[in-house]
Amino acid sequence: MSSRNRLLEPGIRKVAPVIFKTISEAAQMIREKDIPEIKKYVADNINKTGGLEVEYFEIADNIQLMTAGSRKEMKKGKKYYGCIAVKAGKIRLIDNVEFPLV
C-alpha cells in the first residue's frame, strides 16, 4: 500500500479502488472505442464516486510520453499506458495501466 493511501480518510479509502478498476476497464475498451470516448468514461465513472475528482487521464507511449488523441495515433511496436491523477479528498493519487495495441 502506498504511503499516500494510508493518509486517505476511511470513507475515501473504501471507494478509491474504483480508480484502478475503471482504468483497467478502459484498457479493454480500446479494442472497440476511441480515446475521447474512453477518457469520458473514465472521468464520468470516477467523478460520480463521492470524494474523487479526476485531475487528468491520458494515454501515452512509454518512451516519449506522447499522448494519443485517437486509436489511429497508436503505433505498432510501442507500449501505451493510461495514466491518471485523482484528487481523493485532500490526497492526490496517481496510477497507470498498460493499454494493449488495437
PDB file of N, CA and C in Angstrom:
ATOM      1  N   MET A   1       0.850  -1.182   0.000  1.00  0.00           N
ATOM      2  CA  MET A   1       0.000   0.000   0.000  1.00  0.00           C
ATOM      3  C   MET A   1       0.892   1.241   0.000  1.00  0.00           C
ATOM      4  N   SER A   2       0.581   2.143  -0.885  1.00  0.00           N
ATOM      5  CA  SER A   2       1.310   3.407  -0.966  1.00  0.00           C
ATOM      6  C   SER A   2       1.149   4.203   0.320  1.00  0.00           C
ATOM      7  N   SER A   3       2.171   4.976   0.658  1.00  0.00           N
ATOM      8  CA  SER A   3       2.078   5.824   1.847  1.00  0.00           C
ATOM      9  C   SER A   3       0.947   6.834   1.712  1.00  0.00           C
ATOM     10  N   ARG A   4       0.650   7.241   0.496  1.00  0.00           N
ATOM     11  CA  ARG A   4      -0.467   8.178   0.288  1.00  0.00           C
ATOM     12  C   ARG A   4      -1.794   7.533   0.664  1.00  0.00           C
ATOM     13  N   ASN A   5      -1.930   6.235   0.357  1.00  0.00           N
ATOM     14  CA  ASN A   5      -3.178   5.547   0.676  1.00  0.00           C
ATOM     15  C   ASN A   5      -3.442   5.548   2.170  1.00  0.00           C
ATOM     16  N   ARG A   6      -2.398   5.474   2.969  1.00  0.00           N
ATOM     17  CA  ARG A   6      -2.561   5.484   4.421  1.00  0.00           C
ATOM     18  C   ARG A   6      -3.082   6.825   4.926  1.00  0.00           C
ATOM     19  N   LEU A   7      -2.901   7.872   4.142  1.00  0.00           N
ATOM     20  CA  LEU A   7      -3.356   9.204   4.530  1.00  0.00           C
ATOM     21  C   LEU A   7      -4.819   9.468   4.175  1.00  0.00           C
ATOM     22  N   LEU A   8      -5.408   8.559   3.407  1.00  0.00           N
ATOM     23  CA  LEU A   8      -6.794   8.751   2.986  1.00  0.00           C
ATOM     24  C   LEU A   8      -7.756   8.635   4.154  1.00  0.00           C
ATOM     25  N   GLU A   9      -8.794   9.452   4.102  1.00  0.00           N
ATOM     26  CA  GLU A   9      -9.877   9.331   5.074  1.00  0.00           C
ATOM     27  C   GLU A   9     -10.536   7.966   4.867  1.00  0.00           C
ATOM     28  N   PRO A  10     -11.066   7.334   5.914  1.00  0.00           N
ATOM     29  CA  PRO A  10     -11.643   5.987   5.783  1.00  0.00           C
ATOM     30  C   PRO A  10     -12.688   5.860   4.681  1.00  0.00           C
ATOM     31  N   GLY A  11     -13.580   6.842   4.549  1.00  0.00           N
ATOM     32  CA  GLY A  11     -14.612   6.770   3.502  1.00  0.00           C
ATOM     33  C   GLY A  11     -14.023   6.817   2.106  1.00  0.00           C
ATOM     34  N   ILE A  12     -13.000   7.628   1.930  1.00  0.00           N
ATOM     35  CA  ILE A  12     -12.330   7.728   0.630  1.00  0.00           C
ATOM     36  C   ILE A  12     -11.550   6.440   0.348  1.00  0.00           C
ATOM     37  N   ARG A  13     -10.916   5.882   1.361  1.00  0.00           N
ATOM     38  CA  ARG A  13     -10.154   4.645   1.180  1.00  0.00           C
ATOM     39  C   ARG A  13     -11.055   3.517   0.671  1.00  0.00           C
ATOM     40  N   LYS A  14     -12.307   3.502   1.114  1.00  0.00           N
ATOM     41  CA  LYS A  14     -13.245   2.460   0.679  1.00  0.00           C
ATOM     42  C   LYS A  14     -13.576   2.571  -0.806  1.00  0.00           C
ATOM     43  N   VAL A  15     -13.668   3.807  -1.316  1.00  0.00           N
ATOM     44  CA  VAL A  15     -14.076   3.985  -2.714  1.00  0.00           C
ATOM     45  C   VAL A  15     -12.888   4.112  -3.671  1.00  0.00           C
ATOM     46  N   ALA A  16     -11.686   4.328  -3.164  1.00  0.00           N
ATOM     47  CA  ALA A  16     -10.508   4.542  -4.020  1.00  0.00           C
ATOM     48  C   ALA A  16     -10.228   3.403  -5.003  1.00  0.00           C
ATOM     49  N   PRO A  17     -10.547   2.136  -4.687  1.00  0.00           N
ATOM     50  CA  PRO A  17     -10.293   1.074  -5.671  1.00  0.00           C
ATOM     51  C   PRO A  17     -11.015   1.271  -7.001  1.00  0.00           C
ATOM     52  N   VAL A  18     -12.041   2.124  -7.039  1.00  0.00           N
ATOM     53  CA  VAL A  18     -12.736   2.384  -8.301  1.00  0.00           C
ATOM     54  C   VAL A  18     -11.776   2.987  -9.334  1.00  0.00           C
ATOM     55  N   ILE A  19     -10.715   3.630  -8.880  1.00  0.00           N
ATOM     56  CA  ILE A  19      -9.764   4.246  -9.819  1.00  0.00           C
ATOM     57  C   ILE A  19      -9.090   3.167 -10.667  1.00  0.00           C
ATOM     58  N   PHE A  20      -8.459   2.198 -10.024  1.00  0.00           N
ATOM     59  CA  PHE A  20      -7.767   1.151 -10.769  1.00  0.00           C
ATOM     60  C   PHE A  20      -8.763   0.289 -11.552  1.00  0.00           C
ATOM     61  N   LYS A  21      -9.900  -0.004 -10.952  1.00  0.00           N
ATOM     62  CA  LYS A  21     -10.924  -0.796 -11.645  1.00  0.00           C
ATOM     63  C   LYS A  21     -11.349  -0.098 -12.934  1.00  0.00           C
ATOM     64  N   THR A  22     -11.569   1.198 -12.862  1.00  0.00           N
ATOM     65  CA  THR A  22     -12.035   1.956 -14.032  1.00  0.00           C
ATOM     66  C   THR A  22     -10.975   2.026 -15.119  1.00  0.00           C
ATOM     67  N   ILE A  23      -9.713   2.296 -14.767  1.00  0.00           N
ATOM     68  CA  ILE A  23      -8.703   2.389 -15.823  1.00  0.00           C
ATOM     69  C   ILE A  23      -8.380   1.009 -16.396  1.00  0.00           C
ATOM     70  N   SER A  24      -8.569  -0.047 -15.609  1.00  0.00           N
ATOM     71  CA  SER A  24      -8.399  -1.400 -16.144  1.00  0.00           C
ATOM     72  C   SER A  24      -9.496  -1.719 -17.152  1.00  0.00           C
ATOM     73  N   GLU A  25     -10.723  -1.325 -16.847  1.00  0.00           N
ATOM     74  CA  GLU A  25     -11.829  -1.496 -17.795  1.00  0.00           C
ATOM     75  C   GLU A  25     -11.565  -0.669 -19.055  1.00  0.00           C
ATOM     76  N   ALA A  26     -11.062   0.538 -18.876  1.00  0.00           N
ATOM     77  CA  ALA A  26     -10.775   1.416 -20.014  1.00  0.00           C
ATOM     78  C   ALA A  26      -9.734   0.789 -20.938  1.00  0.00           C
ATOM     79  N   ALA A  27      -8.752   0.100 -20.360  1.00  0.00           N
ATOM     80  CA  ALA A  27      -7.724  -0.542 -21.177  1.00  0.00           C
ATOM     81  C   ALA A  27      -8.327  -1.587 -22.109  1.00  0.00           C
ATOM     82  N   GLN A  28      -9.359  -2.257 -21.659  1.00  0.00           N
ATOM     83  CA  GLN A  28     -10.022  -3.251 -22.505  1.00  0.00           C
ATOM     84  C   GLN A  28     -10.938  -2.602 -23.537  1.00  0.00           C
ATOM     85  N   MET A  29     -11.433  -1.408 -23.247  1.00  0.00           N
ATOM     86  CA  MET A  29     -12.323  -0.700 -24.169  1.00  0.00           C
ATOM     87  C   MET A  29     -11.604  -0.241 -25.430  1.00  0.00           C
ATOM     88  N   ILE A  30     -10.269  -0.121 -25.385  1.00  0.00           N
ATOM     89  CA  ILE A  30      -9.511   0.422 -26.523  1.00  0.00           C
ATOM     90  C   ILE A  30      -9.704  -0.424 -27.776  1.00  0.00           C
ATOM     91  N   ARG A  31     -10.101  -1.664 -27.618  1.00  0.00           N
ATOM     92  CA  ARG A  31     -10.313  -2.543 -28.776  1.00  0.00           C
ATOM     93  C   ARG A  31     -11.540  -2.119 -29.602  1.00  0.00           C
ATOM     94  N   GLU A  32     -12.501  -1.450 -28.937  1.00  0.00           N
ATOM     95  CA  GLU A  32     -13.746  -1.103 -29.623  1.00  0.00           C
ATOM     96  C   GLU A  32     -14.089   0.385 -29.613  1.00  0.00           C
ATOM     97  N   LYS A  33     -13.545   1.118 -28.678  1.00  0.00           N
ATOM     98  CA  LYS A  33     -13.887   2.529 -28.536  1.00  0.00           C
ATOM     99  C   LYS A  33     -12.670   3.394 -28.832  1.00  0.00           C
ATOM    100  N   ASP A  34     -12.911   4.637 -29.226  1.00  0.00           N
ATOM    101  CA  ASP A  34     -11.805   5.556 -29.470  1.00  0.00           C
ATOM    102  C   ASP A  34     -11.471   6.306 -28.179  1.00  0.00           C
ATOM    103  N   ILE A  35     -10.321   6.916 -28.160  1.00  0.00           N
ATOM    104  CA  ILE A  35      -9.782   7.532 -26.952  1.00  0.00           C
ATOM    105  C   ILE A  35     -10.690   8.611 -26.349  1.00  0.00           C
ATOM    106  N   PRO A  36     -11.270   9.524 -27.119  1.00  0.00           N
ATOM    107  CA  PRO A  36     -12.142  10.524 -26.475  1.00  0.00           C
ATOM    108  C   PRO A  36     -13.301   9.889 -25.686  1.00  0.00           C
ATOM    109  N   GLU A  37     -13.883   8.836 -26.225  1.00  0.00           N
ATOM    110  CA  GLU A  37     -14.979   8.150 -25.534  1.00  0.00           C
ATOM    111  C   GLU A  37     -14.473   7.450 -24.265  1.00  0.00           C
ATOM    112  N   ILE A  38     -13.286   6.878 -24.339  1.00  0.00           N
ATOM    113  CA  ILE A  38     -12.692   6.212 -23.176  1.00  0.00           C
ATOM    114  C   ILE A  38     -12.379   7.231 -22.086  1.00  0.00           C
ATOM    115  N   LYS A  39     -11.817   8.368 -22.471  1.00  0.00           N
ATOM    116  CA  LYS A  39     -11.496   9.402 -21.490  1.00  0.00           C
ATOM    117  C   LYS A  39     -12.760   9.903 -20.792  1.00  0.00           C
ATOM    118  N   LYS A  40     -13.839  10.050 -21.533  1.00  0.00           N
ATOM    119  CA  LYS A  40     -15.108  10.479 -20.950  1.00  0.00           C
ATOM    120  C   LYS A  40     -15.615   9.419 -19.968  1.00  0.00           C
ATOM    121  N   TYR A  41     -15.547   8.154 -20.359  1.00  0.00           N
ATOM    122  CA  TYR A  41     -15.969   7.065 -19.479  1.00  0.00           C
ATOM    123  C   TYR A  41     -15.194   7.101 -18.159  1.00  0.00           C
ATOM    124  N   VAL A  42     -13.879   7.237 -18.249  1.00  0.00           N
ATOM    125  CA  VAL A  42     -13.040   7.250 -17.049  1.00  0.00           C
ATOM    126  C   VAL A  42     -13.427   8.422 -16.143  1.00  0.00           C
ATOM    127  N   ALA A  43     -13.499   9.610 -16.700  1.00  0.00           N
ATOM    128  CA  ALA A  43     -13.830  10.792 -15.896  1.00  0.00           C
ATOM    129  C   ALA A  43     -15.228  10.676 -15.289  1.00  0.00           C
ATOM    130  N   ASP A  44     -16.202  10.292 -16.089  1.00  0.00           N
ATOM    131  CA  ASP A  44     -17.579  10.185 -15.587  1.00  0.00           C
ATOM    132  C   ASP A  44     -17.685   9.142 -14.480  1.00  0.00           C
ATOM    133  N   ASN A  45     -17.065   7.983 -14.685  1.00  0.00           N
ATOM    134  CA  ASN A  45     -17.182   6.887 -13.729  1.00  0.00           C
ATOM    135  C   ASN A  45     -16.521   7.228 -12.398  1.00  0.00           C
ATOM    136  N   ILE A  46     -15.370   7.862 -12.438  1.00  0.00           N
ATOM    137  CA  ILE A  46     -14.665   8.199 -11.202  1.00  0.00           C
ATOM    138  C   ILE A  46     -15.286   9.421 -10.536  1.00  0.00           C
ATOM    139  N   ASN A  47     -15.622  10.433 -11.319  1.00  0.00           N
ATOM    140  CA  ASN A  47     -16.172  11.661 -10.733  1.00  0.00           C
ATOM    141  C   ASN A  47     -17.523  11.458 -10.070  1.00  0.00           C
ATOM    142  N   LYS A  48     -18.268  10.445 -10.488  1.00  0.00           N
ATOM    143  CA  LYS A  48     -19.564  10.199  -9.846  1.00  0.00           C
ATOM    144  C   LYS A  48     -19.408   9.526  -8.485  1.00  0.00           C
ATOM    145  N   THR A  49     -18.195   9.092  -8.175  1.00  0.00           N
ATOM    146  CA  THR A  49     -17.909   8.470  -6.892  1.00  0.00           C
ATOM    147  C   THR A  49     -17.592   9.572  -5.883  1.00  0.00           C
ATOM    148  N   GLY A  50     -18.316   9.622  -4.821  1.00  0.00           N
ATOM    149  CA  GLY A  50     -18.140  10.671  -3.820  1.00  0.00           C
ATOM    150  C   GLY A  50     -16.713  10.781  -3.316  1.00  0.00           C
ATOM    151  N   GLY A  51     -16.199  12.009  -3.308  1.00  0.00           N
ATOM    152  CA  GLY A  51     -14.866  12.277  -2.778  1.00  0.00           C
ATOM    153  C   GLY A  51     -13.741  12.155  -3.773  1.00  0.00           C
ATOM    154  N   LEU A  52     -14.028  11.736  -5.007  1.00  0.00           N
ATOM    155  CA  LEU A  52     -12.992  11.568  -6.033  1.00  0.00           C
ATOM    156  C   LEU A  52     -13.229  12.545  -7.173  1.00  0.00           C
ATOM    157  N   GLU A  53     -12.138  13.119  -7.682  1.00  0.00           N
ATOM    158  CA  GLU A  53     -12.223  14.023  -8.827  1.00  0.00           C
ATOM    159  C   GLU A  53     -10.994  13.828  -9.712  1.00  0.00           C
ATOM    160  N   VAL A  54     -11.228  13.473 -10.967  1.00  0.00           N
ATOM    161  CA  VAL A  54     -10.134  13.253 -11.914  1.00  0.00           C
ATOM    162  C   VAL A  54      -9.459  14.579 -12.237  1.00  0.00           C
ATOM    163  N   GLU A  55      -8.144  14.621 -12.062  1.00  0.00           N
ATOM    164  CA  GLU A  55      -7.358  15.787 -12.482  1.00  0.00           C
ATOM    165  C   GLU A  55      -6.965  15.630 -13.942  1.00  0.00           C
ATOM    166  N   TYR A  56      -6.515  14.429 -14.311  1.00  0.00           N
ATOM    167  CA  TYR A  56      -6.241  14.141 -15.720  1.00  0.00           C
ATOM    168  C   TYR A  56      -6.238  12.642 -15.942  1.00  0.00           C
ATOM    169  N   PHE A  57      -6.530  12.257 -17.166  1.00  0.00           N
ATOM    170  CA  PHE A  57      -6.373  10.884 -17.637  1.00  0.00           C
ATOM    171  C   PHE A  57      -5.908  10.980 -19.077  1.00  0.00           C
ATOM    172  N   GLU A  58      -4.757  10.413 -19.359  1.00  0.00           N
ATOM    173  CA  GLU A  58      -4.190  10.431 -20.707  1.00  0.00           C
ATOM    174  C   GLU A  58      -3.654   9.049 -21.056  1.00  0.00           C
ATOM    175  N   ILE A  59      -3.616   8.769 -22.335  1.00  0.00           N
ATOM    176  CA  ILE A  59      -2.997   7.542 -22.839  1.00  0.00           C
ATOM    177  C   ILE A  59      -1.749   7.977 -23.584  1.00  0.00           C
ATOM    178  N   ALA A  60      -0.599   7.482 -23.130  1.00  0.00           N
ATOM    179  CA  ALA A  60       0.684   7.932 -23.676  1.00  0.00           C
ATOM    180  C   ALA A  60       1.602   6.749 -23.926  1.00  0.00           C
ATOM    181  N   ASP A  61       2.531   6.934 -24.884  1.00  0.00           N
ATOM    182  CA  ASP A  61       3.515   5.875 -25.136  1.00  0.00           C
ATOM    183  C   ASP A  61       4.560   5.885 -24.020  1.00  0.00           C
ATOM    184  N   ASN A  62       5.224   4.753 -23.838  1.00  0.00           N
ATOM    185  CA  ASN A  62       6.135   4.619 -22.707  1.00  0.00           C
ATOM    186  C   ASN A  62       7.542   5.151 -22.956  1.00  0.00           C
ATOM    187  N   ILE A  63       7.858   5.582 -24.164  1.00  0.00           N
ATOM    188  CA  ILE A  63       9.206   6.072 -24.458  1.00  0.00           C
ATOM    189  C   ILE A  63       9.241   7.602 -24.453  1.00  0.00           C
ATOM    190  N   GLN A  64       8.454   8.217 -25.300  1.00  0.00           N
ATOM    191  CA  GLN A  64       8.461   9.678 -25.422  1.00  0.00           C
ATOM    192  C   GLN A  64       7.374  10.355 -24.596  1.00  0.00           C
ATOM    193  N   LEU A  65       6.493   9.542 -24.017  1.00  0.00           N
ATOM    194  CA  LEU A  65       5.358  10.046 -23.234  1.00  0.00           C
ATOM    195  C   LEU A  65       4.461  10.972 -24.057  1.00  0.00           C
ATOM    196  N   MET A  66       4.383  10.684 -25.349  1.00  0.00           N
ATOM    197  CA  MET A  66       3.495  11.440 -26.234  1.00  0.00           C
ATOM    198  C   MET A  66       2.082  10.890 -26.081  1.00  0.00           C
ATOM    199  N   THR A  67       1.123  11.784 -25.834  1.00  0.00           N
ATOM    200  CA  THR A  67      -0.249  11.335 -25.668  1.00  0.00           C
ATOM    201  C   THR A  67      -0.866  11.015 -27.023  1.00  0.00           C
ATOM    202  N   ALA A  68      -1.776  10.060 -27.000  1.00  0.00           N
ATOM    203  CA  ALA A  68      -2.508   9.676 -28.199  1.00  0.00           C
ATOM    204  C   ALA A  68      -3.917  10.243 -28.080  1.00  0.00           C
ATOM    205  N   GLY A  69      -4.365  10.939 -29.105  1.00  0.00           N
ATOM    206  CA  GLY A  69      -5.695  11.517 -29.105  1.00  0.00           C
ATOM    207  C   GLY A  69      -6.730  10.622 -29.751  1.00  0.00           C
ATOM    208  N   SER A  70      -6.250   9.589 -30.470  1.00  0.00           N
ATOM    209  CA  SER A  70      -7.149   8.632 -31.106  1.00  0.00           C
ATOM    210  C   SER A  70      -6.414   7.305 -31.274  1.00  0.00           C
ATOM    211  N   ARG A  71      -7.165   6.257 -31.504  1.00  0.00           N
ATOM    212  CA  ARG A  71      -6.541   4.935 -31.703  1.00  0.00           C
ATOM    213  C   ARG A  71      -5.623   4.943 -32.916  1.00  0.00           C
ATOM    214  N   LYS A  72      -5.972   5.727 -33.943  1.00  0.00           N
ATOM    215  CA  LYS A  72      -5.154   5.778 -35.155  1.00  0.00           C
ATOM    216  C   LYS A  72      -3.744   6.281 -34.870  1.00  0.00           C
ATOM    217  N   GLU A  73      -3.575   7.062 -33.823  1.00  0.00           N
ATOM    218  CA  GLU A  73      -2.265   7.610 -33.473  1.00  0.00           C
ATOM    219  C   GLU A  73      -1.382   6.602 -32.737  1.00  0.00           C
ATOM    220  N   MET A  74      -1.945   5.501 -32.285  1.00  0.00           N
ATOM    221  CA  MET A  74      -1.170   4.492 -31.563  1.00  0.00           C
ATOM    222  C   MET A  74      -0.370   3.668 -32.569  1.00  0.00           C
ATOM    223  N   LYS A  75       0.940   3.645 -32.403  1.00  0.00           N
ATOM    224  CA  LYS A  75       1.845   2.998 -33.355  1.00  0.00           C
ATOM    225  C   LYS A  75       2.214   1.595 -32.901  1.00  0.00           C
ATOM    226  N   LYS A  76       2.220   0.662 -33.843  1.00  0.00           N
ATOM    227  CA  LYS A  76       2.666  -0.704 -33.548  1.00  0.00           C
ATOM    228  C   LYS A  76       4.119  -0.668 -33.088  1.00  0.00           C
ATOM    229  N   GLY A  77       4.462  -1.560 -32.183  1.00  0.00           N
ATOM    230  CA  GLY A  77       5.819  -1.621 -31.674  1.00  0.00           C
ATOM    231  C   GLY A  77       6.054  -0.757 -30.452  1.00  0.00           C
ATOM    232  N   LYS A  78       5.061   0.046 -30.076  1.00  0.00           N
ATOM    233  CA  LYS A  78       5.167   0.868 -28.877  1.00  0.00           C
ATOM    234  C   LYS A  78       4.217   0.333 -27.818  1.00  0.00           C
ATOM    235  N   LYS A  79       4.541   0.598 -26.574  1.00  0.00           N
ATOM    236  CA  LYS A  79       3.634   0.285 -25.480  1.00  0.00           C
ATOM    237  C   LYS A  79       2.959   1.582 -25.053  1.00  0.00           C
ATOM    238  N   TYR A  80       1.704   1.459 -24.677  1.00  0.00           N
ATOM    239  CA  TYR A  80       0.922   2.616 -24.248  1.00  0.00           C
ATOM    240  C   TYR A  80       0.357   2.369 -22.855  1.00  0.00           C
ATOM    241  N   TYR A  81       0.275   3.446 -22.092  1.00  0.00           N
ATOM    242  CA  TYR A  81      -0.239   3.372 -20.729  1.00  0.00           C
ATOM    243  C   TYR A  81      -1.285   4.448 -20.512  1.00  0.00           C
ATOM    244  N   GLY A  82      -2.348   4.080 -19.819  1.00  0.00           N
ATOM    245  CA  GLY A  82      -3.317   5.048 -19.350  1.00  0.00           C
ATOM    246  C   GLY A  82      -2.817   5.566 -18.018  1.00  0.00           C
ATOM    247  N   CYS A  83      -2.625   6.863 -17.923  1.00  0.00           N
ATOM    248  CA  CYS A  83      -2.064   7.496 -16.728  1.00  0.00           C
ATOM    249  C   CYS A  83      -3.108   8.441 -16.136  1.00  0.00           C
ATOM    250  N   ILE A  84      -3.292   8.336 -14.823  1.00  0.00           N
ATOM    251  CA  ILE A  84      -4.351   9.104 -14.184  1.00  0.00           C
ATOM    252  C   ILE A  84      -3.860   9.751 -12.896  1.00  0.00           C
ATOM    253  N   ALA A  85      -4.413  10.916 -12.616  1.00  0.00           N
ATOM    254  CA  ALA A  85      -4.241  11.575 -11.319  1.00  0.00           C
ATOM    255  C   ALA A  85      -5.640  11.922 -10.822  1.00  0.00           C
ATOM    256  N   VAL A  86      -5.902  11.584  -9.571  1.00  0.00           N
ATOM    257  CA  VAL A  86      -7.222  11.792  -8.989  1.00  0.00           C
ATOM    258  C   VAL A  86      -7.068  12.464  -7.634  1.00  0.00           C
ATOM    259  N   LYS A  87      -7.847  13.495  -7.415  1.00  0.00           N
ATOM    260  CA  LYS A  87      -7.922  14.129  -6.102  1.00  0.00           C
ATOM    261  C   LYS A  87      -8.882  13.284  -5.276  1.00  0.00           C
ATOM    262  N   ALA A  88      -8.356  12.689  -4.203  1.00  0.00           N
ATOM    263  CA  ALA A  88      -9.144  11.814  -3.332  1.00  0.00           C
ATOM    264  C   ALA A  88      -9.204  12.463  -1.956  1.00  0.00           C
ATOM    265  N   GLY A  89     -10.237  13.254  -1.752  1.00  0.00           N
ATOM    266  CA  GLY A  89     -10.272  14.061  -0.533  1.00  0.00           C
ATOM    267  C   GLY A  89      -9.165  15.091  -0.621  1.00  0.00           C
ATOM    268  N   LYS A  90      -8.242  15.063   0.346  1.00  0.00           N
ATOM    269  CA  LYS A  90      -7.126  16.010   0.360  1.00  0.00           C
ATOM    270  C   LYS A  90      -5.858  15.428  -0.259  1.00  0.00           C
ATOM    271  N   ILE A  91      -5.926  14.192  -0.706  1.00  0.00           N
ATOM    272  CA  ILE A  91      -4.755  13.476  -1.211  1.00  0.00           C
ATOM    273  C   ILE A  91      -4.851  13.334  -2.730  1.00  0.00           C
ATOM    274  N   ARG A  92      -3.709  13.429  -3.393  1.00  0.00           N
ATOM    275  CA  ARG A  92      -3.644  13.229  -4.852  1.00  0.00           C
ATOM    276  C   ARG A  92      -3.094  11.834  -5.108  1.00  0.00           C
ATOM    277  N   LEU A  93      -3.901  10.998  -5.778  1.00  0.00           N
ATOM    278  CA  LEU A  93      -3.487   9.642  -6.114  1.00  0.00           C
ATOM    279  C   LEU A  93      -3.155   9.564  -7.599  1.00  0.00           C
ATOM    280  N   ILE A  94      -2.119   8.798  -7.930  1.00  0.00           N
ATOM    281  CA  ILE A  94      -1.757   8.571  -9.326  1.00  0.00           C
ATOM    282  C   ILE A  94      -1.690   7.069  -9.566  1.00  0.00           C
ATOM    283  N   ASP A  95      -1.963   6.673 -10.793  1.00  0.00           N
ATOM    284  CA  ASP A  95      -1.898   5.263 -11.167  1.00  0.00           C
ATOM    285  C   ASP A  95      -1.750   5.173 -12.668  1.00  0.00           C
ATOM    286  N   ASN A  96      -1.425   3.987 -13.162  1.00  0.00           N
ATOM    287  CA  ASN A  96      -1.347   3.755 -14.595  1.00  0.00           C
ATOM    288  C   ASN A  96      -1.579   2.285 -14.869  1.00  0.00           C
ATOM    289  N   VAL A  97      -1.960   2.000 -16.112  1.00  0.00           N
ATOM    290  CA  VAL A  97      -2.199   0.634 -16.543  1.00  0.00           C
ATOM    291  C   VAL A  97      -1.846   0.549 -18.033  1.00  0.00           C
ATOM    292  N   GLU A  98      -1.290  -0.572 -18.435  1.00  0.00           N
ATOM    293  CA  GLU A  98      -0.927  -0.740 -19.843  1.00  0.00           C
ATOM    294  C   GLU A  98      -2.172  -0.890 -20.700  1.00  0.00           C
ATOM    295  N   PHE A  99      -2.158  -0.245 -21.853  1.00  0.00           N
ATOM    296  CA  PHE A  99      -3.230  -0.352 -22.837  1.00  0.00           C
ATOM    297  C   PHE A  99      -2.720  -1.225 -23.974  1.00  0.00           C
ATOM    298  N   PRO A 100      -3.430  -2.299 -24.295  1.00  0.00           N
ATOM    299  CA  PRO A 100      -2.978  -3.152 -25.400  1.00  0.00           C
ATOM    300  C   PRO A 100      -3.138  -2.434 -26.738  1.00  0.00           C
ATOM    301  N   LEU A 101      -2.270  -2.758 -27.664  1.00  0.00           N
ATOM    302  CA  LEU A 101      -2.426  -2.183 -29.011  1.00  0.00           C
ATOM    303  C   LEU A 101      -3.679  -2.718 -29.652  1.00  0.00           C
ATOM    304  N   VAL A 102      -4.297  -1.891 -30.460  1.00  0.00           N
ATOM    305  CA  VAL A 102      -5.556  -2.271 -31.106  1.00  0.00           C
ATOM    306  C   VAL A 102      -5.322  -3.020 -32.389  1.00  0.00           C
TER     307      VAL A 102
END
